[in-house]
Amino acid sequence: MSKTDFFNGHDYFIDEKVHFFKFANVYNIFNETGENIGAVKQTLSFGQKVLTLLIGKPALPFKLEIVNNDDELQATISRGWKFFMSKIVVSDPDGNELASIQQKFKLFKPTFRILDTSGQLIAEIKGDWKAWSFQIKDNNEAEIGTISKKWAGAMREIFTKADKYNVHIDPNYTQSKHKVAILSAAITIDMVLKNQK
């Protein structure tokens, strides 16, 4: 599955893999028919694992990789050392910056603003972390997608636990370059939020 094919979908089901020693996060990605199409991976060096134990995740840099089911890189989300609100960057497989993410937090209602390389707003992800319900809106405030733990159809039987979630993008949304950045941010939202803890 190529990068183009991977981001052509409209429904992505995210399933966290649980590890006994949970230094690094791994999430499997499925399409609407239940086919495993890829994963989100976070790998840590030995030094980073030690620092995680000493100072915790919130201040540490992270790099999240979205790969297809052939383990080919599709996009990355990365952040440097966190001093106040550091920049989170979405990049293509060649390391070129596609967009950046600005975060705002108000109790359990985080907001993620996705900006292009010129600083213009592409989209905003906003919602209720506790209820795990988010809306994705474009720069005209039109809803173009959702992130939710509620879905119907075949996936209802496959995913029965509450720690799974669905990223849905409106099939009519045609901004393919922006879609990569929006989907990358949405697919990794749980991991990004957990790194704030």
Protein backbone atom coordinates (compact mmCIF):
# COMPACT_ATOMS: atom_id res chain seq x y z
CA MET A 1 0.00 0.00 0.00
CA SER A 2 1.56 3.28 -1.10
CA LYS A 3 1.38 6.60 0.73
CA THR A 4 -1.30 7.78 -1.70
CA ASP A 5 -3.40 4.64 -1.14
CA PHE A 6 -3.01 4.84 2.64
CA PHE A 7 -4.40 8.37 2.86
CA ASN A 8 -7.18 7.77 0.33
CA GLY A 9 -9.41 6.15 2.95
CA HIS A 10 -12.20 7.78 4.94
CA ASP A 11 -12.38 5.56 8.02
CA TYR A 12 -9.44 4.53 10.17
CA PHE A 13 -9.88 2.35 13.25
CA ILE A 14 -7.12 2.68 15.82
CA ASP A 15 -6.34 -0.15 18.24
CA GLU A 16 -3.67 0.22 20.94
CA LYS A 17 -1.36 -2.72 21.56
CA VAL A 18 -0.69 -3.15 25.26
CA HIS A 19 2.88 -3.79 26.42
CA PHE A 20 3.91 -4.95 29.88
CA PHE A 21 6.77 -2.45 30.05
CA LYS A 22 5.07 0.45 28.35
CA PHE A 23 7.91 2.77 27.37
CA ALA A 24 6.88 2.97 23.72
CA ASN A 25 3.38 3.04 22.29
CA VAL A 26 2.17 1.00 19.31
CA TYR A 27 -1.23 1.32 17.65
CA ASN A 28 -2.58 -0.86 14.85
CA ILE A 29 -4.63 0.84 12.10
CA PHE A 30 -7.54 -0.89 10.36
CA ASN A 31 -9.82 0.20 7.52
CA GLU A 32 -13.63 0.03 7.52
CA THR A 33 -13.63 -3.66 6.52
CA GLY A 34 -11.37 -4.70 9.39
CA GLU A 35 -8.21 -5.08 7.29
CA ASN A 36 -4.99 -4.14 9.07
CA ILE A 37 -3.50 -1.41 6.86
CA GLY A 38 -0.72 -0.12 9.09
CA ALA A 39 0.41 1.07 12.50
CA VAL A 40 1.57 4.02 14.55
CA LYS A 41 4.89 3.33 16.22
CA GLN A 42 7.01 5.09 18.80
CA THR A 43 10.51 3.81 19.37
CA LEU A 44 12.73 4.91 22.24
CA SER A 45 16.47 4.57 22.74
CA PHE A 46 17.80 3.13 26.00
CA GLY A 47 18.65 6.66 27.12
CA GLN A 48 15.12 7.86 26.45
CA LYS A 49 13.71 4.94 28.45
CA VAL A 50 15.92 5.90 31.39
CA LEU A 51 14.84 9.55 31.12
CA THR A 52 11.19 8.43 30.96
CA LEU A 53 11.65 6.75 34.35
CA LEU A 54 13.52 9.73 35.81
CA ILE A 55 11.54 12.72 34.54
CA GLY A 56 8.48 11.23 32.81
CA LYS A 57 7.15 11.63 29.29
CA PRO A 58 5.72 15.19 29.28
CA ALA A 59 9.07 16.97 28.81
CA LEU A 60 10.68 14.41 26.52
CA PRO A 61 10.93 14.65 22.73
CA PHE A 62 8.93 12.11 20.78
CA LYS A 63 8.67 10.80 17.24
CA LEU A 64 5.62 8.90 16.05
CA GLU A 65 5.80 7.02 12.76
CA ILE A 66 2.76 6.07 10.69
CA VAL A 67 3.62 3.02 8.55
CA ASN A 68 1.59 0.89 6.16
CA ASN A 69 1.26 -2.88 6.46
CA ASP A 70 4.54 -3.30 4.55
CA ASP A 71 6.24 -1.20 7.27
CA GLU A 72 6.79 1.64 4.78
CA LEU A 73 6.83 5.09 6.34
CA GLN A 74 3.78 7.22 5.46
CA ALA A 75 4.21 10.24 7.76
CA THR A 76 5.76 11.25 11.08
CA ILE A 77 4.74 13.46 13.98
CA SER A 78 7.59 14.75 16.13
CA ARG A 79 8.22 17.14 18.98
CA GLY A 80 11.44 18.44 20.52
CA TRP A 81 12.16 18.95 24.20
CA LYS A 82 9.08 20.45 25.79
CA PHE A 83 9.75 23.84 27.30
CA PHE A 84 6.33 25.46 27.66
CA MET A 85 4.45 24.53 24.43
CA SER A 86 7.01 23.26 21.93
CA LYS A 87 6.24 22.81 18.25
CA ILE A 88 4.76 19.53 17.02
CA VAL A 89 5.59 18.86 13.35
CA VAL A 90 3.89 16.61 10.77
CA SER A 91 6.35 15.49 8.07
CA ASP A 92 6.23 13.38 4.92
CA PRO A 93 8.39 10.21 4.53
CA ASP A 94 11.27 12.31 3.18
CA GLY A 95 11.30 14.52 6.27
CA ASN A 96 9.70 17.53 4.61
CA GLU A 97 7.43 19.50 6.93
CA LEU A 98 3.75 19.34 5.91
CA ALA A 99 2.18 21.11 8.86
CA SER A 100 2.55 21.92 12.53
CA ILE A 101 0.20 21.43 15.46
CA GLN A 102 -0.57 23.96 18.17
CA GLN A 103 -2.17 22.60 21.32
CA LYS A 104 -4.45 24.29 23.81
CA PHE A 105 -5.84 22.60 26.91
CA LYS A 106 -8.84 23.44 29.03
CA LEU A 107 -9.59 20.69 31.54
CA PHE A 108 -10.61 17.67 29.43
CA LYS A 109 -11.26 19.75 26.29
CA PRO A 110 -8.04 19.92 24.25
CA THR A 111 -7.83 21.78 20.96
CA PHE A 112 -5.35 20.98 18.19
CA ARG A 113 -4.83 23.65 15.54
CA ILE A 114 -3.21 22.27 12.37
CA LEU A 115 -1.27 24.93 10.49
CA ASP A 116 0.43 24.83 7.09
CA THR A 117 4.10 25.76 6.65
CA SER A 118 3.08 29.43 6.25
CA GLY A 119 1.25 29.40 9.58
CA GLN A 120 -2.21 29.44 8.00
CA LEU A 121 -4.95 27.36 9.63
CA ILE A 122 -5.73 24.10 7.79
CA ALA A 123 -8.05 22.53 10.32
CA GLU A 124 -8.86 22.26 14.01
CA ILE A 125 -9.50 19.19 16.14
CA LYS A 126 -11.55 20.03 19.19
CA GLY A 127 -13.59 18.03 21.64
CA ASP A 128 -13.99 16.19 24.90
CA TRP A 129 -11.05 13.96 25.86
CA LYS A 130 -12.98 12.31 28.71
CA ALA A 131 -15.89 11.31 26.44
CA TRP A 132 -13.42 10.74 23.58
CA SER A 133 -15.47 12.71 21.10
CA PHE A 134 -13.81 15.21 18.75
CA GLN A 135 -14.86 17.26 15.74
CA ILE A 136 -12.50 18.07 12.89
CA LYS A 137 -13.31 21.39 11.21
CA ASP A 138 -11.65 23.11 8.27
CA ASN A 139 -10.57 26.76 8.23
CA ASN A 140 -14.14 27.79 7.36
CA GLU A 141 -15.54 26.07 10.48
CA ALA A 142 -17.18 23.36 8.35
CA GLU A 143 -17.07 19.88 9.88
CA ILE A 144 -14.92 17.57 7.78
CA GLY A 145 -14.48 14.68 10.17
CA THR A 146 -14.84 13.15 13.63
CA ILE A 147 -12.87 11.10 16.13
CA SER A 148 -15.07 8.86 18.22
CA LYS A 149 -15.42 5.55 20.04
CA LYS A 150 -18.81 5.03 18.42
CA TRP A 151 -19.27 3.28 15.10
CA ALA A 152 -21.57 0.83 13.36
CA GLY A 153 -21.28 -1.96 10.82
CA ALA A 154 -18.64 -4.67 10.71
CA MET A 155 -16.30 -2.86 13.05
CA ARG A 156 -18.83 -2.99 15.91
CA GLU A 157 -18.21 -6.73 16.19
CA ILE A 158 -14.43 -6.48 15.73
CA PHE A 159 -13.85 -3.67 18.24
CA THR A 160 -15.82 -4.15 21.42
CA LYS A 161 -13.48 -2.55 23.95
CA ALA A 162 -13.56 1.12 24.89
CA ASP A 163 -9.88 1.78 24.15
CA LYS A 164 -10.42 1.61 20.38
CA TYR A 165 -11.45 4.62 18.34
CA ASN A 166 -12.46 5.66 14.84
CA VAL A 167 -11.12 8.56 12.75
CA HIS A 168 -13.62 9.50 10.03
CA ILE A 169 -12.96 12.02 7.25
CA ASP A 170 -15.80 13.28 5.05
CA PRO A 171 -15.47 11.56 1.62
CA ASN A 172 -16.20 14.94 0.00
CA TYR A 173 -13.06 16.48 1.50
CA THR A 174 -10.71 16.77 -1.49
CA GLN A 175 -7.69 18.69 -0.14
CA SER A 176 -5.34 15.71 -0.46
CA LYS A 177 -2.20 17.51 0.73
CA HIS A 178 -4.00 18.84 3.80
CA LYS A 179 -5.71 15.50 4.39
CA VAL A 180 -2.34 13.83 5.07
CA ALA A 181 -1.61 16.35 7.84
CA ILE A 182 -5.14 16.21 9.29
CA LEU A 183 -5.29 12.42 9.29
CA SER A 184 -1.78 12.10 10.73
CA ALA A 185 -2.73 14.40 13.60
CA ALA A 186 -6.06 12.63 14.17
CA ILE A 187 -4.62 9.11 14.00
CA THR A 188 -1.94 9.94 16.58
CA ILE A 189 -4.13 12.05 18.89
CA ASP A 190 -4.34 9.46 21.67
CA MET A 191 -0.58 8.99 21.73
CA VAL A 192 0.07 12.73 21.68
CA LEU A 193 -2.37 13.27 24.56
CA LYS A 194 -0.83 10.46 26.59
CA ASN A 195 2.58 12.05 26.16
CA GLN A 196 1.23 15.10 27.96
CA LYS A 197 0.70 13.09 31.14
